[in-house]
Amino acid sequence: MNKLEGVRLEVDSRRRTVAELGQKIDKQRARLPQTKSKGEFDIEQTIKKVQHKENKREQPLAFFIGIHRWSCSFAVQRIFSHAS
């Protein structure tokens, strides 16, 4: 598996993790009237975890975009260099 595919898979995995945590926050908010302070604490913890995971997702995403742009521009250069 090439580097680009590996990074794409990592980005996709992190995207799913953030989405799942968003759903978890929604469920915790729905239960909040019943659980009061513990529920508020749980939501705060989950929000912090989402922020952390989003930050971790950004690095491989930026790398993936950079590599993808580079590989596309490299492919275009090869096409035009062979056309001459």
C-alpha atoms as a PDB file:
ATOM      1  CA  MET A   1       0.000   0.000   0.000  1.00  0.00           C
ATOM      2  CA  ASN A   2       1.456   3.349  -0.946  1.00  0.00           C
ATOM      3  CA  LYS A   3       1.906   6.258   1.450  1.00  0.00           C
ATOM      4  CA  LEU A   4      -0.993   8.260  -0.017  1.00  0.00           C
ATOM      5  CA  GLU A   5      -3.459   5.402   0.467  1.00  0.00           C
ATOM      6  CA  GLY A   6      -2.278   4.857   4.035  1.00  0.00           C
ATOM      7  CA  VAL A   7      -2.773   8.507   4.908  1.00  0.00           C
ATOM      8  CA  ARG A   8      -6.193   8.504   3.215  1.00  0.00           C
ATOM      9  CA  LEU A   9      -7.253   5.565   5.374  1.00  0.00           C
ATOM     10  CA  GLU A  10      -5.980   7.310   8.517  1.00  0.00           C
ATOM     11  CA  VAL A  11      -7.878  10.498   7.658  1.00  0.00           C
ATOM     12  CA  ASP A  12     -11.050   8.515   6.992  1.00  0.00           C
ATOM     13  CA  SER A  13     -10.709   6.670  10.299  1.00  0.00           C
ATOM     14  CA  ARG A  14     -10.240   9.923  12.213  1.00  0.00           C
ATOM     15  CA  ARG A  15     -13.240  11.448  10.414  1.00  0.00           C
ATOM     16  CA  ARG A  16     -15.422   8.531  11.520  1.00  0.00           C
ATOM     17  CA  THR A  17     -14.134   8.813  15.105  1.00  0.00           C
ATOM     18  CA  VAL A  18     -15.028  12.511  15.260  1.00  0.00           C
ATOM     19  CA  ALA A  19     -18.486  11.804  13.809  1.00  0.00           C
ATOM     20  CA  GLU A  20     -19.124   9.044  16.361  1.00  0.00           C
ATOM     21  CA  LEU A  21     -18.070  11.317  19.203  1.00  0.00           C
ATOM     22  CA  GLY A  22     -20.446  13.999  17.899  1.00  0.00           C
ATOM     23  CA  GLN A  23     -23.278  11.485  18.112  1.00  0.00           C
ATOM     24  CA  LYS A  24     -22.171  10.597  21.645  1.00  0.00           C
ATOM     25  CA  ILE A  25     -22.396  14.264  22.657  1.00  0.00           C
ATOM     26  CA  ASP A  26     -25.933  14.466  21.231  1.00  0.00           C
ATOM     27  CA  LYS A  27     -26.980  11.409  23.265  1.00  0.00           C
ATOM     28  CA  GLN A  28     -25.397  12.825  26.416  1.00  0.00           C
ATOM     29  CA  ARG A  29     -27.201  16.135  25.917  1.00  0.00           C
ATOM     30  CA  ALA A  30     -30.493  14.273  25.517  1.00  0.00           C
ATOM     31  CA  ARG A  31     -29.934  12.585  28.912  1.00  0.00           C
ATOM     32  CA  LEU A  32     -28.730  15.782  30.582  1.00  0.00           C
ATOM     33  CA  PRO A  33     -32.002  16.706  32.346  1.00  0.00           C
ATOM     34  CA  GLN A  34     -31.911  13.338  34.119  1.00  0.00           C
ATOM     35  CA  THR A  35     -28.237  13.274  35.103  1.00  0.00           C
ATOM     36  CA  LYS A  36     -27.527  16.986  35.853  1.00  0.00           C
ATOM     37  CA  SER A  37     -23.940  17.562  37.076  1.00  0.00           C
ATOM     38  CA  LYS A  38     -22.570  14.160  36.052  1.00  0.00           C
ATOM     39  CA  GLY A  39     -24.076  14.644  32.620  1.00  0.00           C
ATOM     40  CA  GLU A  40     -22.496  18.075  32.304  1.00  0.00           C
ATOM     41  CA  PHE A  41     -19.130  16.612  33.299  1.00  0.00           C
ATOM     42  CA  ASP A  42     -19.507  13.792  30.754  1.00  0.00           C
ATOM     43  CA  ILE A  43     -20.358  16.266  28.002  1.00  0.00           C
ATOM     44  CA  GLU A  44     -17.337  18.438  28.863  1.00  0.00           C
ATOM     45  CA  GLN A  45     -15.067  15.384  28.746  1.00  0.00           C
ATOM     46  CA  THR A  46     -16.479  14.261  25.399  1.00  0.00           C
ATOM     47  CA  ILE A  47     -16.190  17.760  23.914  1.00  0.00           C
ATOM     48  CA  LYS A  48     -12.526  17.884  24.973  1.00  0.00           C
ATOM     49  CA  LYS A  49     -11.990  14.474  23.388  1.00  0.00           C
ATOM     50  CA  VAL A  50     -13.643  15.633  20.135  1.00  0.00           C
ATOM     51  CA  GLN A  51     -11.399  18.708  20.032  1.00  0.00           C
ATOM     52  CA  HIS A  52      -8.340  16.525  20.594  1.00  0.00           C
ATOM     53  CA  LYS A  53      -9.369  14.079  17.877  1.00  0.00           C
ATOM     54  CA  GLU A  54     -10.128  16.903  15.438  1.00  0.00           C
ATOM     55  CA  ASN A  55      -6.656  18.310  16.046  1.00  0.00           C
ATOM     56  CA  LYS A  56      -5.106  14.878  15.471  1.00  0.00           C
ATOM     57  CA  ARG A  57      -7.105  14.546  12.253  1.00  0.00           C
ATOM     58  CA  GLU A  58      -5.836  17.834  10.822  1.00  0.00           C
ATOM     59  CA  GLN A  59      -2.183  16.799  10.539  1.00  0.00           C
ATOM     60  CA  PRO A  60      -2.642  13.716   8.329  1.00  0.00           C
ATOM     61  CA  LEU A  61      -5.387  15.516   6.400  1.00  0.00           C
ATOM     62  CA  ALA A  62      -3.024  18.380   5.531  1.00  0.00           C
ATOM     63  CA  PHE A  63      -0.328  15.848   4.633  1.00  0.00           C
ATOM     64  CA  PHE A  64      -2.762  13.895   2.436  1.00  0.00           C
ATOM     65  CA  ILE A  65      -3.875  17.046   0.620  1.00  0.00           C
ATOM     66  CA  GLY A  66      -0.264  18.121   0.080  1.00  0.00           C
ATOM     67  CA  ILE A  67       0.816  14.712  -1.229  1.00  0.00           C
ATOM     68  CA  HIS A  68      -2.268  14.456  -3.416  1.00  0.00           C
ATOM     69  CA  ARG A  69      -1.639  17.889  -4.952  1.00  0.00           C
ATOM     70  CA  TRP A  70       2.008  17.035  -5.486  1.00  0.00           C
ATOM     71  CA  SER A  71       1.205  13.706  -7.134  1.00  0.00           C
ATOM     72  CA  CYS A  72      -1.401  15.335  -9.384  1.00  0.00           C
ATOM     73  CA  SER A  73       0.960  18.129 -10.442  1.00  0.00           C
ATOM     74  CA  PHE A  74       3.718  15.565 -10.989  1.00  0.00           C
ATOM     75  CA  ALA A  75       1.404  13.485 -13.184  1.00  0.00           C
ATOM     76  CA  VAL A  76       0.433  16.563 -15.209  1.00  0.00           C
ATOM     77  CA  GLN A  77       4.099  17.475 -15.667  1.00  0.00           C
ATOM     78  CA  ARG A  78       4.849  13.957 -16.903  1.00  0.00           C
ATOM     79  CA  ILE A  79       1.971  14.104 -19.358  1.00  0.00           C
ATOM     80  CA  PHE A  80       3.113  17.401 -20.817  1.00  0.00           C
ATOM     81  CA  SER A  81       6.782  16.395 -20.888  1.00  0.00           C
ATOM     82  CA  HIS A  82       5.904  13.280 -22.901  1.00  0.00           C
ATOM     83  CA  ALA A  83       3.672  15.292 -25.232  1.00  0.00           C
ATOM     84  CA  SER A  84       6.582  17.508 -26.349  1.00  0.00           C
END
